[in-house]
């Protein structure tokens, strides 16, 4: 059986990927949004996130193994826990609540958590930090895409209560 930190990293990635997929509804509301011509095709987002989260999980393993003390390991856990929360929050805001404007505000917290991961793991593993660069770049791109969708479609309102 794999070491606990390896299982934790795999679970972190699987939960985020699974939740992101489950909470992303490409239905009529989304299809009717105006989107920029440079938006990648919808089918690309799943594979992109799979690669990014797999690399981030590998980075977590390397950072954990490079952390020489329990307090350093707790830093790694804290960075990944914060990122988990901010990553997990984006899809329900955008898709379930149909509030790209709220998702845009949240994306700055997500971006900050990814940058914190990239910088925070560097003392433990340069490779771990490098593995997180695509995550930073993709979230930067996704935030700009989110901004453009808000600009093209806003203002947004909360769905009416039943």
C-alpha atoms as a PDB file:
ATOM      1  CA  UNK A   1       0.000   0.000   0.000  1.00  0.00           C
ATOM      2  CA  UNK A   2       1.300   3.498  -0.827  1.00  0.00           C
ATOM      3  CA  UNK A   3       2.558   5.833   1.873  1.00  0.00           C
ATOM      4  CA  UNK A   4      -0.125   8.057   3.486  1.00  0.00           C
ATOM      5  CA  UNK A   5       1.227  11.253   1.893  1.00  0.00           C
ATOM      6  CA  UNK A   6       1.015   9.661  -1.552  1.00  0.00           C
ATOM      7  CA  UNK A   7      -2.578   8.570  -0.935  1.00  0.00           C
ATOM      8  CA  UNK A   8      -3.428  12.058   0.351  1.00  0.00           C
ATOM      9  CA  UNK A   9      -1.974  13.701  -2.766  1.00  0.00           C
ATOM     10  CA  UNK A  10      -3.870  11.328  -5.054  1.00  0.00           C
ATOM     11  CA  UNK A  11      -7.120  11.881  -3.134  1.00  0.00           C
ATOM     12  CA  UNK A  12      -6.595  15.664  -3.236  1.00  0.00           C
ATOM     13  CA  UNK A  13      -6.357  15.541  -7.048  1.00  0.00           C
ATOM     14  CA  UNK A  14      -9.177  13.021  -7.530  1.00  0.00           C
ATOM     15  CA  UNK A  15     -11.609  14.920  -5.311  1.00  0.00           C
ATOM     16  CA  UNK A  16     -10.868  18.236  -7.010  1.00  0.00           C
ATOM     17  CA  UNK A  17     -11.088  16.730 -10.502  1.00  0.00           C
ATOM     18  CA  UNK A  18     -14.243  14.780  -9.665  1.00  0.00           C
ATOM     19  CA  UNK A  19     -15.959  17.688  -7.964  1.00  0.00           C
ATOM     20  CA  UNK A  20     -14.981  20.042 -10.763  1.00  0.00           C
ATOM     21  CA  UNK A  21     -16.464  17.689 -13.318  1.00  0.00           C
ATOM     22  CA  UNK A  22     -19.601  17.000 -11.294  1.00  0.00           C
ATOM     23  CA  UNK A  23     -20.233  20.679 -10.575  1.00  0.00           C
ATOM     24  CA  UNK A  24     -19.632  21.805 -14.164  1.00  0.00           C
ATOM     25  CA  UNK A  25     -22.873  21.794 -16.091  1.00  0.00           C
ATOM     26  CA  UNK A  26     -22.515  22.585 -19.780  1.00  0.00           C
ATOM     27  CA  UNK A  27     -26.228  23.215 -20.239  1.00  0.00           C
ATOM     28  CA  UNK A  28     -28.336  25.849 -21.975  1.00  0.00           C
ATOM     29  CA  UNK A  29     -27.379  28.638 -19.559  1.00  0.00           C
ATOM     30  CA  UNK A  30     -23.676  28.132 -20.210  1.00  0.00           C
ATOM     31  CA  UNK A  31     -24.111  27.580 -23.946  1.00  0.00           C
ATOM     32  CA  UNK A  32     -26.034  30.872 -24.226  1.00  0.00           C
ATOM     33  CA  UNK A  33     -23.262  32.904 -22.612  1.00  0.00           C
ATOM     34  CA  UNK A  34     -21.247  35.093 -24.956  1.00  0.00           C
ATOM     35  CA  UNK A  35     -17.673  33.815 -24.982  1.00  0.00           C
ATOM     36  CA  UNK A  36     -14.525  35.141 -26.607  1.00  0.00           C
ATOM     37  CA  UNK A  37     -13.382  33.609 -29.879  1.00  0.00           C
ATOM     38  CA  UNK A  38     -10.129  32.528 -28.231  1.00  0.00           C
ATOM     39  CA  UNK A  39     -11.816  30.331 -25.606  1.00  0.00           C
ATOM     40  CA  UNK A  40     -10.572  26.744 -25.914  1.00  0.00           C
ATOM     41  CA  UNK A  41     -13.166  24.111 -26.839  1.00  0.00           C
ATOM     42  CA  UNK A  42     -15.133  22.750 -23.884  1.00  0.00           C
ATOM     43  CA  UNK A  43     -13.676  19.256 -24.310  1.00  0.00           C
ATOM     44  CA  UNK A  44     -10.168  20.597 -23.591  1.00  0.00           C
ATOM     45  CA  UNK A  45     -10.881  21.676 -20.008  1.00  0.00           C
ATOM     46  CA  UNK A  46     -11.204  18.130 -18.597  1.00  0.00           C
ATOM     47  CA  UNK A  47      -7.870  16.858 -19.950  1.00  0.00           C
ATOM     48  CA  UNK A  48      -6.135  20.132 -19.048  1.00  0.00           C
ATOM     49  CA  UNK A  49      -7.331  19.957 -15.441  1.00  0.00           C
ATOM     50  CA  UNK A  50      -6.437  16.262 -15.248  1.00  0.00           C
ATOM     51  CA  UNK A  51      -2.834  16.991 -16.265  1.00  0.00           C
ATOM     52  CA  UNK A  52      -2.568  20.067 -14.043  1.00  0.00           C
ATOM     53  CA  UNK A  53      -3.982  18.376 -10.948  1.00  0.00           C
ATOM     54  CA  UNK A  54      -1.859  15.263 -11.563  1.00  0.00           C
ATOM     55  CA  UNK A  55       1.257  17.445 -11.727  1.00  0.00           C
ATOM     56  CA  UNK A  56       0.166  19.294  -8.586  1.00  0.00           C
ATOM     57  CA  UNK A  57      -0.331  15.978  -6.775  1.00  0.00           C
ATOM     58  CA  UNK A  58       3.162  14.892  -7.816  1.00  0.00           C
ATOM     59  CA  UNK A  59       4.431  18.247  -6.559  1.00  0.00           C
ATOM     60  CA  UNK A  60       2.728  17.600  -3.216  1.00  0.00           C
ATOM     61  CA  UNK A  61       4.506  14.260  -2.882  1.00  0.00           C
ATOM     62  CA  UNK A  62       7.879  15.805  -3.720  1.00  0.00           C
ATOM     63  CA  UNK A  63       7.339  18.743  -1.375  1.00  0.00           C
ATOM     64  CA  UNK A  64       6.273  16.443   1.463  1.00  0.00           C
ATOM     65  CA  UNK A  65       9.310  14.247   0.960  1.00  0.00           C
ATOM     66  CA  UNK A  66      11.574  17.313   0.821  1.00  0.00           C
ATOM     67  CA  UNK A  67      10.129  18.810   3.997  1.00  0.00           C
ATOM     68  CA  UNK A  68      12.665  17.976   6.694  1.00  0.00           C
ATOM     69  CA  UNK A  69      10.570  18.654   9.781  1.00  0.00           C
ATOM     70  CA  UNK A  70       7.016  18.214  10.987  1.00  0.00           C
ATOM     71  CA  UNK A  71       6.497  21.996  10.869  1.00  0.00           C
ATOM     72  CA  UNK A  72       7.660  22.058   7.237  1.00  0.00           C
ATOM     73  CA  UNK A  73       5.246  19.227   6.441  1.00  0.00           C
ATOM     74  CA  UNK A  74       2.455  21.217   8.096  1.00  0.00           C
ATOM     75  CA  UNK A  75       3.276  24.148   5.809  1.00  0.00           C
ATOM     76  CA  UNK A  76       2.849  21.863   2.799  1.00  0.00           C
ATOM     77  CA  UNK A  77      -0.459  20.563   4.184  1.00  0.00           C
ATOM     78  CA  UNK A  78      -1.670  24.097   4.895  1.00  0.00           C
ATOM     79  CA  UNK A  79      -0.810  25.308   1.398  1.00  0.00           C
ATOM     80  CA  UNK A  80      -2.592  22.373  -0.235  1.00  0.00           C
ATOM     81  CA  UNK A  81      -5.590  22.648   2.117  1.00  0.00           C
ATOM     82  CA  UNK A  82      -6.057  26.344   1.317  1.00  0.00           C
ATOM     83  CA  UNK A  83      -5.737  25.636  -2.384  1.00  0.00           C
ATOM     84  CA  UNK A  84      -8.275  22.811  -2.085  1.00  0.00           C
ATOM     85  CA  UNK A  85     -10.869  25.183  -0.619  1.00  0.00           C
ATOM     86  CA  UNK A  86     -10.345  27.898  -3.236  1.00  0.00           C
ATOM     87  CA  UNK A  87     -10.161  25.456  -6.128  1.00  0.00           C
ATOM     88  CA  UNK A  88     -13.287  23.624  -4.977  1.00  0.00           C
ATOM     89  CA  UNK A  89     -15.306  26.850  -4.617  1.00  0.00           C
ATOM     90  CA  UNK A  90     -15.010  28.124  -8.185  1.00  0.00           C
ATOM     91  CA  UNK A  91     -17.235  25.671 -10.109  1.00  0.00           C
ATOM     92  CA  UNK A  92     -20.317  25.965  -7.863  1.00  0.00           C
ATOM     93  CA  UNK A  93     -20.121  29.754  -8.038  1.00  0.00           C
ATOM     94  CA  UNK A  94     -19.835  29.836 -11.818  1.00  0.00           C
ATOM     95  CA  UNK A  95     -22.033  26.905 -12.843  1.00  0.00           C
ATOM     96  CA  UNK A  96     -24.428  25.993  -9.995  1.00  0.00           C
ATOM     97  CA  UNK A  97     -25.169  29.542  -8.833  1.00  0.00           C
ATOM     98  CA  UNK A  98     -24.721  30.941 -12.362  1.00  0.00           C
ATOM     99  CA  UNK A  99     -22.616  33.784 -11.002  1.00  0.00           C
ATOM    100  CA  UNK A 100     -19.503  34.212 -13.140  1.00  0.00           C
ATOM    101  CA  UNK A 101     -18.997  37.562 -11.396  1.00  0.00           C
ATOM    102  CA  UNK A 102     -18.695  35.879  -8.003  1.00  0.00           C
ATOM    103  CA  UNK A 103     -16.501  33.170  -9.533  1.00  0.00           C
ATOM    104  CA  UNK A 104     -14.247  35.909 -10.916  1.00  0.00           C
ATOM    105  CA  UNK A 105     -13.786  37.415  -7.447  1.00  0.00           C
ATOM    106  CA  UNK A 106     -13.097  33.955  -6.036  1.00  0.00           C
ATOM    107  CA  UNK A 107     -10.610  33.207  -8.817  1.00  0.00           C
ATOM    108  CA  UNK A 108      -8.223  35.798  -7.379  1.00  0.00           C
ATOM    109  CA  UNK A 109      -8.131  33.797  -4.134  1.00  0.00           C
ATOM    110  CA  UNK A 110      -7.606  30.614  -6.167  1.00  0.00           C
ATOM    111  CA  UNK A 111      -4.798  32.273  -8.124  1.00  0.00           C
ATOM    112  CA  UNK A 112      -3.177  33.488  -4.893  1.00  0.00           C
ATOM    113  CA  UNK A 113      -3.364  29.983  -3.422  1.00  0.00           C
ATOM    114  CA  UNK A 114      -1.678  28.498  -6.496  1.00  0.00           C
ATOM    115  CA  UNK A 115       1.081  31.116  -6.448  1.00  0.00           C
ATOM    116  CA  UNK A 116       1.497  30.455  -2.707  1.00  0.00           C
ATOM    117  CA  UNK A 117       1.836  26.738  -3.486  1.00  0.00           C
ATOM    118  CA  UNK A 118       4.413  27.373  -6.198  1.00  0.00           C
ATOM    119  CA  UNK A 119       6.501  29.665  -3.979  1.00  0.00           C
ATOM    120  CA  UNK A 120       5.822  27.801  -0.736  1.00  0.00           C
ATOM    121  CA  UNK A 121       7.066  24.405  -1.907  1.00  0.00           C
ATOM    122  CA  UNK A 122      10.228  25.802  -3.511  1.00  0.00           C
ATOM    123  CA  UNK A 123      12.342  25.421  -0.338  1.00  0.00           C
ATOM    124  CA  UNK A 124      11.409  21.724  -0.235  1.00  0.00           C
ATOM    125  CA  UNK A 125      11.671  20.856  -3.930  1.00  0.00           C
ATOM    126  CA  UNK A 126      12.529  22.934  -6.973  1.00  0.00           C
ATOM    127  CA  UNK A 127      10.910  20.285  -9.162  1.00  0.00           C
ATOM    128  CA  UNK A 128       7.686  20.501  -7.135  1.00  0.00           C
ATOM    129  CA  UNK A 129       7.637  24.245  -7.680  1.00  0.00           C
ATOM    130  CA  UNK A 130       8.256  23.807 -11.416  1.00  0.00           C
ATOM    131  CA  UNK A 131       5.450  21.238 -11.642  1.00  0.00           C
ATOM    132  CA  UNK A 132       3.062  23.888 -10.297  1.00  0.00           C
ATOM    133  CA  UNK A 133       3.917  26.508 -12.932  1.00  0.00           C
ATOM    134  CA  UNK A 134       1.352  25.124 -15.438  1.00  0.00           C
ATOM    135  CA  UNK A 135      -1.289  25.396 -12.679  1.00  0.00           C
ATOM    136  CA  UNK A 136      -0.396  29.077 -12.177  1.00  0.00           C
ATOM    137  CA  UNK A 137      -0.488  29.707 -15.920  1.00  0.00           C
ATOM    138  CA  UNK A 138      -3.798  27.904 -16.448  1.00  0.00           C
ATOM    139  CA  UNK A 139      -5.517  29.673 -13.546  1.00  0.00           C
ATOM    140  CA  UNK A 140      -4.169  32.982 -14.856  1.00  0.00           C
ATOM    141  CA  UNK A 141      -5.640  32.182 -18.273  1.00  0.00           C
ATOM    142  CA  UNK A 142      -8.910  30.917 -16.756  1.00  0.00           C
ATOM    143  CA  UNK A 143      -9.234  34.062 -14.642  1.00  0.00           C
ATOM    144  CA  UNK A 144      -8.849  36.229 -17.735  1.00  0.00           C
ATOM    145  CA  UNK A 145     -11.388  34.059 -19.556  1.00  0.00           C
ATOM    146  CA  UNK A 146     -13.767  34.401 -16.585  1.00  0.00           C
ATOM    147  CA  UNK A 147     -13.231  38.198 -16.641  1.00  0.00           C
ATOM    148  CA  UNK A 148     -14.007  38.325 -20.359  1.00  0.00           C
ATOM    149  CA  UNK A 149     -17.197  36.281 -19.906  1.00  0.00           C
ATOM    150  CA  UNK A 150     -18.311  38.641 -17.125  1.00  0.00           C
ATOM    151  CA  UNK A 151     -17.547  41.654 -19.306  1.00  0.00           C
ATOM    152  CA  UNK A 152     -19.467  40.206 -22.278  1.00  0.00           C
ATOM    153  CA  UNK A 153     -22.498  39.030 -20.270  1.00  0.00           C
ATOM    154  CA  UNK A 154     -22.877  40.959 -17.008  1.00  0.00           C
ATOM    155  CA  UNK A 155     -24.514  42.064 -14.894  1.00  0.00           C
ATOM    156  CA  UNK A 156     -25.607  38.795 -13.313  1.00  0.00           C
ATOM    157  CA  UNK A 157     -28.392  38.135 -10.863  1.00  0.00           C
ATOM    158  CA  UNK A 158     -28.884  35.303  -8.428  1.00  0.00           C
ATOM    159  CA  UNK A 159     -31.390  32.704  -9.615  1.00  0.00           C
ATOM    160  CA  UNK A 160     -34.877  33.179  -8.166  1.00  0.00           C
ATOM    161  CA  UNK A 161     -35.674  31.090  -5.106  1.00  0.00           C
ATOM    162  CA  UNK A 162     -38.229  28.310  -5.645  1.00  0.00           C
END
